[in-house]
Amino acid sequence: MSTLPPCPQCQSAYTYEDRSQLVCPECGHEWAAGEPAAEADTRVVRDANGNVLNDGDAVTVIKDLKVKGSSLVVKVGTRVKNIRLVEGDHDIDCRIDGIGPMSLKSEFVRKA
């Protein structure tokens, strides 16, 4: 029997080694051979300066951002309080005064 660990995403027992990586043929997930399964699930979101962001942090917008479907613009220096981190392309959900609920990309903010 194989001594390789099951896939951390789909729990498939059919994992195989490819150089220093382990690969799941069923879901296509790849991970480092020495990496524990619990660390594979943690996701770190960083701002434009490389600081780690957490739920509830306050951030500042570093670039003018046009609001899609509207003529509004989020100006440089706008401070956003109490952010929430989510999965996806736009990884920050927040509420901006005067505009309302929005999703932002972490590359356009810095931690305040």
PDB file of N, CA and C in Angstrom:
ATOM      1  N   MET A   1       0.827  -1.189   0.000  1.00  0.00           N
ATOM      2  CA  MET A   1       0.000   0.000   0.000  1.00  0.00           C
ATOM      3  C   MET A   1       0.871   1.253   0.000  1.00  0.00           C
ATOM      4  N   SER A   2       0.286   2.338  -0.420  1.00  0.00           N
ATOM      5  CA  SER A   2       0.968   3.619  -0.482  1.00  0.00           C
ATOM      6  C   SER A   2       1.030   4.252   0.903  1.00  0.00           C
ATOM      7  N   THR A   3       2.165   4.896   1.200  1.00  0.00           N
ATOM      8  CA  THR A   3       2.302   5.595   2.476  1.00  0.00           C
ATOM      9  C   THR A   3       2.086   7.091   2.299  1.00  0.00           C
ATOM     10  N   LEU A   4       1.655   7.495   1.108  1.00  0.00           N
ATOM     11  CA  LEU A   4       1.410   8.908   0.850  1.00  0.00           C
ATOM     12  C   LEU A   4       0.107   9.336   1.512  1.00  0.00           C
ATOM     13  N   PRO A   5       0.051  10.577   2.016  1.00  0.00           N
ATOM     14  CA  PRO A   5      -1.171  11.057   2.663  1.00  0.00           C
ATOM     15  C   PRO A   5      -2.273  11.302   1.634  1.00  0.00           C
ATOM     16  N   PRO A   6      -3.539  11.259   2.072  1.00  0.00           N
ATOM     17  CA  PRO A   6      -4.636  11.575   1.143  1.00  0.00           C
ATOM     18  C   PRO A   6      -4.645  13.058   0.800  1.00  0.00           C
ATOM     19  N   CYS A   7      -5.348  13.411  -0.263  1.00  0.00           N
ATOM     20  CA  CYS A   7      -5.461  14.798  -0.702  1.00  0.00           C
ATOM     21  C   CYS A   7      -6.162  15.626   0.378  1.00  0.00           C
ATOM     22  N   PRO A   8      -5.604  16.799   0.769  1.00  0.00           N
ATOM     23  CA  PRO A   8      -6.248  17.624   1.796  1.00  0.00           C
ATOM     24  C   PRO A   8      -7.552  18.272   1.332  1.00  0.00           C
ATOM     25  N   GLN A   9      -7.796  18.333   0.021  1.00  0.00           N
ATOM     26  CA  GLN A   9      -9.028  18.963  -0.461  1.00  0.00           C
ATOM     27  C   GLN A   9     -10.159  17.967  -0.643  1.00  0.00           C
ATOM     28  N   CYS A  10      -9.882  16.849  -1.349  1.00  0.00           N
ATOM     29  CA  CYS A  10     -10.970  15.918  -1.667  1.00  0.00           C
ATOM     30  C   CYS A  10     -10.833  14.574  -0.951  1.00  0.00           C
ATOM     31  N   GLN A  11      -9.781  14.396  -0.161  1.00  0.00           N
ATOM     32  CA  GLN A  11      -9.520  13.177   0.605  1.00  0.00           C
ATOM     33  C   GLN A  11      -9.306  11.945  -0.269  1.00  0.00           C
ATOM     34  N   SER A  12      -8.916  12.121  -1.517  1.00  0.00           N
ATOM     35  CA  SER A  12      -8.640  11.004  -2.411  1.00  0.00           C
ATOM     36  C   SER A  12      -7.383  10.263  -1.957  1.00  0.00           C
ATOM     37  N   ALA A  13      -7.409   8.937  -2.032  1.00  0.00           N
ATOM     38  CA  ALA A  13      -6.278   8.122  -1.621  1.00  0.00           C
ATOM     39  C   ALA A  13      -5.305   7.886  -2.765  1.00  0.00           C
ATOM     40  N   TYR A  14      -5.590   8.404  -3.954  1.00  0.00           N
ATOM     41  CA  TYR A  14      -4.788   8.129  -5.141  1.00  0.00           C
ATOM     42  C   TYR A  14      -3.734   9.196  -5.416  1.00  0.00           C
ATOM     43  N   THR A  15      -3.141   9.771  -4.390  1.00  0.00           N
ATOM     44  CA  THR A  15      -2.119  10.790  -4.587  1.00  0.00           C
ATOM     45  C   THR A  15      -0.822  10.158  -5.086  1.00  0.00           C
ATOM     46  N   TYR A  16      -0.022  10.951  -5.775  1.00  0.00           N
ATOM     47  CA  TYR A  16       1.278  10.481  -6.236  1.00  0.00           C
ATOM     48  C   TYR A  16       2.299  11.601  -6.127  1.00  0.00           C
ATOM     49  N   GLU A  17       3.584  11.198  -6.144  1.00  0.00           N
ATOM     50  CA  GLU A  17       4.671  12.163  -6.036  1.00  0.00           C
ATOM     51  C   GLU A  17       5.126  12.623  -7.409  1.00  0.00           C
ATOM     52  N   ASP A  18       5.404  13.925  -7.524  1.00  0.00           N
ATOM     53  CA  ASP A  18       5.985  14.494  -8.728  1.00  0.00           C
ATOM     54  C   ASP A  18       7.103  15.427  -8.268  1.00  0.00           C
ATOM     55  N   ARG A  19       8.320  14.929  -8.264  1.00  0.00           N
ATOM     56  CA  ARG A  19       9.499  15.603  -7.722  1.00  0.00           C
ATOM     57  C   ARG A  19       9.265  15.896  -6.243  1.00  0.00           C
ATOM     58  N   SER A  20       9.201  17.157  -5.839  1.00  0.00           N
ATOM     59  CA  SER A  20       9.012  17.477  -4.425  1.00  0.00           C
ATOM     60  C   SER A  20       7.549  17.773  -4.094  1.00  0.00           C
ATOM     61  N   GLN A  21       6.662  17.614  -5.055  1.00  0.00           N
ATOM     62  CA  GLN A  21       5.233  17.897  -4.863  1.00  0.00           C
ATOM     63  C   GLN A  21       4.433  16.605  -4.767  1.00  0.00           C
ATOM     64  N   LEU A  22       3.313  16.663  -4.075  1.00  0.00           N
ATOM     65  CA  LEU A  22       2.320  15.603  -4.089  1.00  0.00           C
ATOM     66  C   LEU A  22       1.158  16.099  -4.926  1.00  0.00           C
ATOM     67  N   VAL A  23       0.580  15.217  -5.740  1.00  0.00           N
ATOM     68  CA  VAL A  23      -0.460  15.610  -6.683  1.00  0.00           C
ATOM     69  C   VAL A  23      -1.653  14.683  -6.523  1.00  0.00           C
ATOM     70  N   CYS A  24      -2.845  15.263  -6.584  1.00  0.00           N
ATOM     71  CA  CYS A  24      -4.087  14.483  -6.570  1.00  0.00           C
ATOM     72  C   CYS A  24      -4.606  14.402  -8.005  1.00  0.00           C
ATOM     73  N   PRO A  25      -4.751  13.207  -8.563  1.00  0.00           N
ATOM     74  CA  PRO A  25      -5.227  13.091  -9.946  1.00  0.00           C
ATOM     75  C   PRO A  25      -6.725  13.368 -10.091  1.00  0.00           C
ATOM     76  N   GLU A  26      -7.473  13.308  -9.008  1.00  0.00           N
ATOM     77  CA  GLU A  26      -8.921  13.497  -9.094  1.00  0.00           C
ATOM     78  C   GLU A  26      -9.326  14.966  -9.110  1.00  0.00           C
ATOM     79  N   CYS A  27      -8.731  15.776  -8.220  1.00  0.00           N
ATOM     80  CA  CYS A  27      -9.112  17.198  -8.180  1.00  0.00           C
ATOM     81  C   CYS A  27      -8.021  18.115  -8.725  1.00  0.00           C
ATOM     82  N   GLY A  28      -6.795  17.588  -8.934  1.00  0.00           N
ATOM     83  CA  GLY A  28      -5.712  18.388  -9.492  1.00  0.00           C
ATOM     84  C   GLY A  28      -4.960  19.222  -8.472  1.00  0.00           C
ATOM     85  N   HIS A  29      -5.258  19.061  -7.193  1.00  0.00           N
ATOM     86  CA  HIS A  29      -4.594  19.840  -6.142  1.00  0.00           C
ATOM     87  C   HIS A  29      -3.147  19.391  -5.999  1.00  0.00           C
ATOM     88  N   GLU A  30      -2.222  20.347  -5.840  1.00  0.00           N
ATOM     89  CA  GLU A  30      -0.805  20.061  -5.623  1.00  0.00           C
ATOM     90  C   GLU A  30      -0.378  20.714  -4.319  1.00  0.00           C
ATOM     91  N   TRP A  31       0.485  20.024  -3.560  1.00  0.00           N
ATOM     92  CA  TRP A  31       1.003  20.581  -2.323  1.00  0.00           C
ATOM     93  C   TRP A  31       2.386  20.012  -2.062  1.00  0.00           C
ATOM     94  N   ALA A  32       3.144  20.695  -1.205  1.00  0.00           N
ATOM     95  CA  ALA A  32       4.511  20.274  -0.892  1.00  0.00           C
ATOM     96  C   ALA A  32       4.470  18.990  -0.083  1.00  0.00           C
ATOM     97  N   ALA A  33       5.470  18.139  -0.284  1.00  0.00           N
ATOM     98  CA  ALA A  33       5.480  16.825   0.356  1.00  0.00           C
ATOM     99  C   ALA A  33       5.536  16.926   1.879  1.00  0.00           C
ATOM    100  N   GLY A  34       6.249  17.879   2.438  1.00  0.00           N
ATOM    101  CA  GLY A  34       6.378  17.992   3.883  1.00  0.00           C
ATOM    102  C   GLY A  34       5.340  18.896   4.517  1.00  0.00           C
ATOM    103  N   GLU A  35       4.436  19.439   3.740  1.00  0.00           N
ATOM    104  CA  GLU A  35       3.451  20.408   4.218  1.00  0.00           C
ATOM    105  C   GLU A  35       2.295  19.704   4.927  1.00  0.00           C
ATOM    106  N   PRO A  36       1.995  20.071   6.165  1.00  0.00           N
ATOM    107  CA  PRO A  36       0.836  19.490   6.834  1.00  0.00           C
ATOM    108  C   PRO A  36      -0.461  19.916   6.152  1.00  0.00           C
ATOM    109  N   ALA A  37      -1.469  19.098   6.239  1.00  0.00           N
ATOM    110  CA  ALA A  37      -2.747  19.369   5.568  1.00  0.00           C
ATOM    111  C   ALA A  37      -3.430  20.611   6.129  1.00  0.00           C
ATOM    112  N   ALA A  38      -3.276  20.903   7.417  1.00  0.00           N
ATOM    113  CA  ALA A  38      -3.944  22.060   8.017  1.00  0.00           C
ATOM    114  C   ALA A  38      -3.413  23.371   7.444  1.00  0.00           C
ATOM    115  N   GLU A  39      -2.123  23.441   7.128  1.00  0.00           N
ATOM    116  CA  GLU A  39      -1.559  24.670   6.586  1.00  0.00           C
ATOM    117  C   GLU A  39      -1.960  24.901   5.141  1.00  0.00           C
ATOM    118  N   ALA A  40      -2.366  23.869   4.436  1.00  0.00           N
ATOM    119  CA  ALA A  40      -2.757  24.020   3.044  1.00  0.00           C
ATOM    120  C   ALA A  40      -4.067  24.804   2.922  1.00  0.00           C
ATOM    121  N   ASP A  41      -4.896  24.783   3.962  1.00  0.00           N
ATOM    122  CA  ASP A  41      -6.196  25.439   3.919  1.00  0.00           C
ATOM    123  C   ASP A  41      -6.141  26.900   4.337  1.00  0.00           C
ATOM    124  N   THR A  42      -5.093  27.319   5.042  1.00  0.00           N
ATOM    125  CA  THR A  42      -5.027  28.698   5.504  1.00  0.00           C
ATOM    126  C   THR A  42      -4.641  29.614   4.350  1.00  0.00           C
ATOM    127  N   ARG A  43      -5.281  30.770   4.305  1.00  0.00           N
ATOM    128  CA  ARG A  43      -5.064  31.719   3.232  1.00  0.00           C
ATOM    129  C   ARG A  43      -4.630  33.034   3.858  1.00  0.00           C
ATOM    130  N   VAL A  44      -3.563  33.609   3.345  1.00  0.00           N
ATOM    131  CA  VAL A  44      -3.043  34.868   3.869  1.00  0.00           C
ATOM    132  C   VAL A  44      -3.303  35.952   2.835  1.00  0.00           C
ATOM    133  N   VAL A  45      -3.962  37.035   3.270  1.00  0.00           N
ATOM    134  CA  VAL A  45      -4.235  38.175   2.395  1.00  0.00           C
ATOM    135  C   VAL A  45      -3.307  39.297   2.817  1.00  0.00           C
ATOM    136  N   ARG A  46      -2.578  39.860   1.843  1.00  0.00           N
ATOM    137  CA  ARG A  46      -1.625  40.933   2.122  1.00  0.00           C
ATOM    138  C   ARG A  46      -2.034  42.198   1.376  1.00  0.00           C
ATOM    139  N   ASP A  47      -1.702  43.343   1.961  1.00  0.00           N
ATOM    140  CA  ASP A  47      -2.002  44.619   1.319  1.00  0.00           C
ATOM    141  C   ASP A  47      -0.908  44.963   0.305  1.00  0.00           C
ATOM    142  N   ALA A  48      -0.939  46.158  -0.247  1.00  0.00           N
ATOM    143  CA  ALA A  48       0.014  46.573  -1.277  1.00  0.00           C
ATOM    144  C   ALA A  48       1.446  46.631  -0.747  1.00  0.00           C
ATOM    145  N   ASN A  49       1.623  46.839   0.550  1.00  0.00           N
ATOM    146  CA  ASN A  49       2.958  46.906   1.145  1.00  0.00           C
ATOM    147  C   ASN A  49       3.441  45.573   1.693  1.00  0.00           C
ATOM    148  N   GLY A  50       2.614  44.541   1.622  1.00  0.00           N
ATOM    149  CA  GLY A  50       2.996  43.224   2.114  1.00  0.00           C
ATOM    150  C   GLY A  50       2.579  42.937   3.538  1.00  0.00           C
ATOM    151  N   ASN A  51       1.834  43.833   4.174  1.00  0.00           N
ATOM    152  CA  ASN A  51       1.346  43.586   5.531  1.00  0.00           C
ATOM    153  C   ASN A  51       0.172  42.617   5.493  1.00  0.00           C
ATOM    154  N   VAL A  52       0.096  41.734   6.480  1.00  0.00           N
ATOM    155  CA  VAL A  52      -0.990  40.760   6.549  1.00  0.00           C
ATOM    156  C   VAL A  52      -2.259  41.460   7.021  1.00  0.00           C
ATOM    157  N   LEU A  53      -3.366  41.222   6.317  1.00  0.00           N
ATOM    158  CA  LEU A  53      -4.660  41.798   6.684  1.00  0.00           C
ATOM    159  C   LEU A  53      -5.493  40.766   7.423  1.00  0.00           C
ATOM    160  N   ASN A  54      -6.291  41.235   8.386  1.00  0.00           N
ATOM    161  CA  ASN A  54      -7.194  40.381   9.156  1.00  0.00           C
ATOM    162  C   ASN A  54      -8.588  40.987   9.143  1.00  0.00           C
ATOM    163  N   ASP A  55      -9.587  40.172   9.479  1.00  0.00           N
ATOM    164  CA  ASP A  55     -10.949  40.681   9.604  1.00  0.00           C
ATOM    165  C   ASP A  55     -10.984  41.774  10.660  1.00  0.00           C
ATOM    166  N   GLY A  56     -11.703  42.864  10.371  1.00  0.00           N
ATOM    167  CA  GLY A  56     -11.854  43.961  11.321  1.00  0.00           C
ATOM    168  C   GLY A  56     -10.793  45.040  11.218  1.00  0.00           C
ATOM    169  N   ASP A  57      -9.779  44.865  10.377  1.00  0.00           N
ATOM    170  CA  ASP A  57      -8.738  45.880  10.215  1.00  0.00           C
ATOM    171  C   ASP A  57      -9.294  47.115   9.521  1.00  0.00           C
ATOM    172  N   ALA A  58      -8.565  48.215   9.646  1.00  0.00           N
ATOM    173  CA  ALA A  58      -8.864  49.439   8.911  1.00  0.00           C
ATOM    174  C   ALA A  58      -7.803  49.589   7.825  1.00  0.00           C
ATOM    175  N   VAL A  59      -8.238  49.968   6.622  1.00  0.00           N
ATOM    176  CA  VAL A  59      -7.314  50.129   5.504  1.00  0.00           C
ATOM    177  C   VAL A  59      -7.541  51.484   4.846  1.00  0.00           C
ATOM    178  N   THR A  60      -6.558  51.903   4.043  1.00  0.00           N
ATOM    179  CA  THR A  60      -6.635  53.147   3.290  1.00  0.00           C
ATOM    180  C   THR A  60      -6.461  52.823   1.817  1.00  0.00           C
ATOM    181  N   VAL A  61      -7.300  53.411   0.968  1.00  0.00           N
ATOM    182  CA  VAL A  61      -7.226  53.183  -0.476  1.00  0.00           C
ATOM    183  C   VAL A  61      -6.031  53.954  -1.027  1.00  0.00           C
ATOM    184  N   ILE A  62      -5.221  53.310  -1.890  1.00  0.00           N
ATOM    185  CA  ILE A  62      -4.001  53.947  -2.399  1.00  0.00           C
ATOM    186  C   ILE A  62      -4.119  54.357  -3.864  1.00  0.00           C
ATOM    187  N   LYS A  63      -5.281  54.193  -4.465  1.00  0.00           N
ATOM    188  CA  LYS A  63      -5.469  54.536  -5.875  1.00  0.00           C
ATOM    189  C   LYS A  63      -6.936  54.912  -6.082  1.00  0.00           C
ATOM    190  N   ASP A  64      -7.207  55.895  -6.965  1.00  0.00           N
ATOM    191  CA  ASP A  64      -8.594  56.213  -7.305  1.00  0.00           C
ATOM    192  C   ASP A  64      -9.231  54.990  -7.954  1.00  0.00           C
ATOM    193  N   LEU A  65     -10.392  54.574  -7.433  1.00  0.00           N
ATOM    194  CA  LEU A  65     -11.078  53.395  -7.948  1.00  0.00           C
ATOM    195  C   LEU A  65     -12.462  53.782  -8.452  1.00  0.00           C
ATOM    196  N   LYS A  66     -12.730  53.503  -9.706  1.00  0.00           N
ATOM    197  CA  LYS A  66     -14.054  53.762 -10.268  1.00  0.00           C
ATOM    198  C   LYS A  66     -15.004  52.676  -9.782  1.00  0.00           C
ATOM    199  N   VAL A  67     -16.228  53.086  -9.444  1.00  0.00           N
ATOM    200  CA  VAL A  67     -17.247  52.139  -9.013  1.00  0.00           C
ATOM    201  C   VAL A  67     -17.970  51.648 -10.256  1.00  0.00           C
ATOM    202  N   LYS A  68     -17.924  50.361 -10.493  1.00  0.00           N
ATOM    203  CA  LYS A  68     -18.503  49.786 -11.700  1.00  0.00           C
ATOM    204  C   LYS A  68     -20.019  50.022 -11.730  1.00  0.00           C
ATOM    205  N   GLY A  69     -20.514  50.495 -12.857  1.00  0.00           N
ATOM    206  CA  GLY A  69     -21.942  50.738 -13.024  1.00  0.00           C
ATOM    207  C   GLY A  69     -22.409  52.051 -12.435  1.00  0.00           C
ATOM    208  N   SER A  70     -21.488  52.924 -12.094  1.00  0.00           N
ATOM    209  CA  SER A  70     -21.835  54.185 -11.464  1.00  0.00           C
ATOM    210  C   SER A  70     -20.811  55.243 -11.879  1.00  0.00           C
ATOM    211  N   SER A  71     -21.140  56.486 -11.617  1.00  0.00           N
ATOM    212  CA  SER A  71     -20.181  57.555 -11.904  1.00  0.00           C
ATOM    213  C   SER A  71     -19.372  57.924 -10.662  1.00  0.00           C
ATOM    214  N   LEU A  72     -19.554  57.192  -9.577  1.00  0.00           N
ATOM    215  CA  LEU A  72     -18.836  57.466  -8.336  1.00  0.00           C
ATOM    216  C   LEU A  72     -17.395  56.987  -8.423  1.00  0.00           C
ATOM    217  N   VAL A  73     -16.521  57.619  -7.630  1.00  0.00           N
ATOM    218  CA  VAL A  73     -15.114  57.243  -7.550  1.00  0.00           C
ATOM    219  C   VAL A  73     -14.716  57.186  -6.084  1.00  0.00           C
ATOM    220  N   VAL A  74     -13.997  56.126  -5.705  1.00  0.00           N
ATOM    221  CA  VAL A  74     -13.419  56.039  -4.367  1.00  0.00           C
ATOM    222  C   VAL A  74     -12.054  56.707  -4.470  1.00  0.00           C
ATOM    223  N   LYS A  75     -11.876  57.825  -3.765  1.00  0.00           N
ATOM    224  CA  LYS A  75     -10.671  58.648  -3.883  1.00  0.00           C
ATOM    225  C   LYS A  75      -9.494  58.059  -3.091  1.00  0.00           C
ATOM    226  N   VAL A  76      -8.285  58.435  -3.507  1.00  0.00           N
ATOM    227  CA  VAL A  76      -7.070  58.060  -2.786  1.00  0.00           C
ATOM    228  C   VAL A  76      -7.157  58.591  -1.363  1.00  0.00           C
ATOM    229  N   GLY A  77      -6.753  57.796  -0.387  1.00  0.00           N
ATOM    230  CA  GLY A  77      -6.761  58.224   1.005  1.00  0.00           C
ATOM    231  C   GLY A  77      -8.053  57.924   1.736  1.00  0.00           C
ATOM    232  N   THR A  78      -9.051  57.366   1.037  1.00  0.00           N
ATOM    233  CA  THR A  78     -10.300  57.008   1.709  1.00  0.00           C
ATOM    234  C   THR A  78     -10.017  55.910   2.723  1.00  0.00           C
ATOM    235  N   ARG A  79     -10.425  56.150   3.963  1.00  0.00           N
ATOM    236  CA  ARG A  79     -10.199  55.174   5.027  1.00  0.00           C
ATOM    237  C   ARG A  79     -11.425  54.275   5.147  1.00  0.00           C
ATOM    238  N   VAL A  80     -11.183  52.980   5.170  1.00  0.00           N
ATOM    239  CA  VAL A  80     -12.244  51.984   5.267  1.00  0.00           C
ATOM    240  C   VAL A  80     -12.028  51.207   6.555  1.00  0.00           C
ATOM    241  N   LYS A  81     -13.033  51.203   7.431  1.00  0.00           N
ATOM    242  CA  LYS A  81     -12.930  50.508   8.717  1.00  0.00           C
ATOM    243  C   LYS A  81     -13.672  49.177   8.660  1.00  0.00           C
ATOM    244  N   ASN A  82     -13.260  48.270   9.515  1.00  0.00           N
ATOM    245  CA  ASN A  82     -13.948  47.009   9.739  1.00  0.00           C
ATOM    246  C   ASN A  82     -14.122  46.198   8.448  1.00  0.00           C
ATOM    247  N   ILE A  83     -13.010  45.840   7.814  1.00  0.00           N
ATOM    248  CA  ILE A  83     -13.081  45.041   6.589  1.00  0.00           C
ATOM    249  C   ILE A  83     -13.362  43.579   6.919  1.00  0.00           C
ATOM    250  N   ARG A  84     -13.853  42.853   5.932  1.00  0.00           N
ATOM    251  CA  ARG A  84     -14.093  41.418   6.069  1.00  0.00           C
ATOM    252  C   ARG A  84     -13.404  40.723   4.895  1.00  0.00           C
ATOM    253  N   LEU A  85     -12.577  39.728   5.177  1.00  0.00           N
ATOM    254  CA  LEU A  85     -11.865  38.999   4.133  1.00  0.00           C
ATOM    255  C   LEU A  85     -12.746  37.874   3.600  1.00  0.00           C
ATOM    256  N   VAL A  86     -12.775  37.752   2.269  1.00  0.00           N
ATOM    257  CA  VAL A  86     -13.585  36.732   1.611  1.00  0.00           C
ATOM    258  C   VAL A  86     -12.753  36.044   0.527  1.00  0.00           C
ATOM    259  N   GLU A  87     -13.240  34.928   0.024  1.00  0.00           N
ATOM    260  CA  GLU A  87     -12.597  34.221  -1.072  1.00  0.00           C
ATOM    261  C   GLU A  87     -12.963  34.897  -2.384  1.00  0.00           C
ATOM    262  N   GLY A  88     -12.095  34.797  -3.370  1.00  0.00           N
ATOM    263  CA  GLY A  88     -12.406  35.320  -4.691  1.00  0.00           C
ATOM    264  C   GLY A  88     -11.399  36.350  -5.167  1.00  0.00           C
ATOM    265  N   ASP A  89     -11.693  36.902  -6.341  1.00  0.00           N
ATOM    266  CA  ASP A  89     -10.820  37.888  -6.967  1.00  0.00           C
ATOM    267  C   ASP A  89     -10.751  39.169  -6.139  1.00  0.00           C
ATOM    268  N   HIS A  90     -11.896  39.680  -5.725  1.00  0.00           N
ATOM    269  CA  HIS A  90     -11.974  40.844  -4.838  1.00  0.00           C
ATOM    270  C   HIS A  90     -12.056  40.279  -3.428  1.00  0.00           C
ATOM    271  N   ASP A  91     -10.948  40.333  -2.692  1.00  0.00           N
ATOM    272  CA  ASP A  91     -10.876  39.594  -1.440  1.00  0.00           C
ATOM    273  C   ASP A  91     -11.198  40.392  -0.180  1.00  0.00           C
ATOM    274  N   ILE A  92     -11.720  41.609  -0.325  1.00  0.00           N
ATOM    275  CA  ILE A  92     -12.123  42.417   0.825  1.00  0.00           C
ATOM    276  C   ILE A  92     -13.555  42.890   0.611  1.00  0.00           C
ATOM    277  N   ASP A  93     -14.426  42.619   1.574  1.00  0.00           N
ATOM    278  CA  ASP A  93     -15.772  43.183   1.592  1.00  0.00           C
ATOM    279  C   ASP A  93     -15.786  44.283   2.643  1.00  0.00           C
ATOM    280  N   CYS A  94     -16.408  45.415   2.311  1.00  0.00           N
ATOM    281  CA  CYS A  94     -16.425  46.537   3.239  1.00  0.00           C
ATOM    282  C   CYS A  94     -17.612  47.440   2.933  1.00  0.00           C
ATOM    283  N   ARG A  95     -17.774  48.443   3.777  1.00  0.00           N
ATOM    284  CA  ARG A  95     -18.787  49.471   3.567  1.00  0.00           C
ATOM    285  C   ARG A  95     -18.074  50.813   3.574  1.00  0.00           C
ATOM    286  N   ILE A  96     -18.237  51.565   2.480  1.00  0.00           N
ATOM    287  CA  ILE A  96     -17.590  52.871   2.350  1.00  0.00           C
ATOM    288  C   ILE A  96     -18.655  53.953   2.510  1.00  0.00           C
ATOM    289  N   ASP A  97     -18.393  54.904   3.404  1.00  0.00           N
ATOM    290  CA  ASP A  97     -19.343  55.996   3.652  1.00  0.00           C
ATOM    291  C   ASP A  97     -19.599  56.773   2.367  1.00  0.00           C
ATOM    292  N   GLY A  98     -20.864  57.016   2.052  1.00  0.00           N
ATOM    293  CA  GLY A  98     -21.247  57.768   0.868  1.00  0.00           C
ATOM    294  C   GLY A  98     -21.402  56.909  -0.373  1.00  0.00           C
ATOM    295  N   ILE A  99     -20.904  55.681  -0.337  1.00  0.00           N
ATOM    296  CA  ILE A  99     -21.001  54.789  -1.497  1.00  0.00           C
ATOM    297  C   ILE A  99     -21.800  53.541  -1.162  1.00  0.00           C
ATOM    298  N   GLY A 100     -21.498  52.920  -0.021  1.00  0.00           N
ATOM    299  CA  GLY A 100     -22.216  51.721   0.400  1.00  0.00           C
ATOM    300  C   GLY A 100     -21.329  50.494   0.385  1.00  0.00           C
ATOM    301  N   PRO A 101     -21.946  49.301   0.358  1.00  0.00           N
ATOM    302  CA  PRO A 101     -21.160  48.063   0.384  1.00  0.00           C
ATOM    303  C   PRO A 101     -20.366  47.884  -0.909  1.00  0.00           C
ATOM    304  N   MET A 102     -19.111  47.443  -0.767  1.00  0.00           N
ATOM    305  CA  MET A 102     -18.226  47.250  -1.912  1.00  0.00           C
ATOM    306  C   MET A 102     -17.318  46.068  -1.682  1.00  0.00           C
ATOM    307  N   SER A 103     -16.758  45.568  -2.765  1.00  0.00           N
ATOM    308  CA  SER A 103     -15.689  44.579  -2.722  1.00  0.00           C
ATOM    309  C   SER A 103     -14.439  45.237  -3.299  1.00  0.00           C
ATOM    310  N   LEU A 104     -13.304  45.059  -2.619  1.00  0.00           N
ATOM    311  CA  LEU A 104     -12.042  45.658  -3.054  1.00  0.00           C
ATOM    312  C   LEU A 104     -10.987  44.577  -3.224  1.00  0.00           C
ATOM    313  N   LYS A 105     -10.001  44.867  -4.052  1.00  0.00           N
ATOM    314  CA  LYS A 105      -8.835  44.000  -4.161  1.00  0.00           C
ATOM    315  C   LYS A 105      -7.792  44.474  -3.160  1.00  0.00           C
ATOM    316  N   SER A 106      -7.127  43.537  -2.515  1.00  0.00           N
ATOM    317  CA  SER A 106      -6.159  43.902  -1.484  1.00  0.00           C
ATOM    318  C   SER A 106      -4.945  44.636  -2.050  1.00  0.00           C
ATOM    319  N   GLU A 107      -4.697  44.531  -3.332  1.00  0.00           N
ATOM    320  CA  GLU A 107      -3.540  45.215  -3.929  1.00  0.00           C
ATOM    321  C   GLU A 107      -3.730  46.714  -4.029  1.00  0.00           C
ATOM    322  N   PHE A 108      -4.954  47.223  -3.810  1.00  0.00           N
ATOM    323  CA  PHE A 108      -5.224  48.649  -3.906  1.00  0.00           C
ATOM    324  C   PHE A 108      -5.449  49.310  -2.550  1.00  0.00           C
ATOM    325  N   VAL A 109      -5.087  48.615  -1.462  1.00  0.00           N
ATOM    326  CA  VAL A 109      -5.232  49.183  -0.117  1.00  0.00           C
ATOM    327  C   VAL A 109      -3.954  48.968   0.657  1.00  0.00           C
ATOM    328  N   ARG A 110      -3.790  49.769   1.726  1.00  0.00           N
ATOM    329  CA  ARG A 110      -2.705  49.541   2.668  1.00  0.00           C
ATOM    330  C   ARG A 110      -3.296  49.599   4.072  1.00  0.00           C
ATOM    331  N   LYS A 111      -2.689  48.856   4.965  1.00  0.00           N
ATOM    332  CA  LYS A 111      -3.173  48.793   6.330  1.00  0.00           C
ATOM    333  C   LYS A 111      -3.003  50.130   7.006  1.00  0.00           C
ATOM    334  N   ALA A 112      -4.034  50.575   7.718  1.00  0.00           N
ATOM    335  CA  ALA A 112      -3.987  51.881   8.388  1.00  0.00           C
ATOM    336  C   ALA A 112      -3.595  51.724   9.846  1.00  0.00           C
TER     337      ALA A 112
END
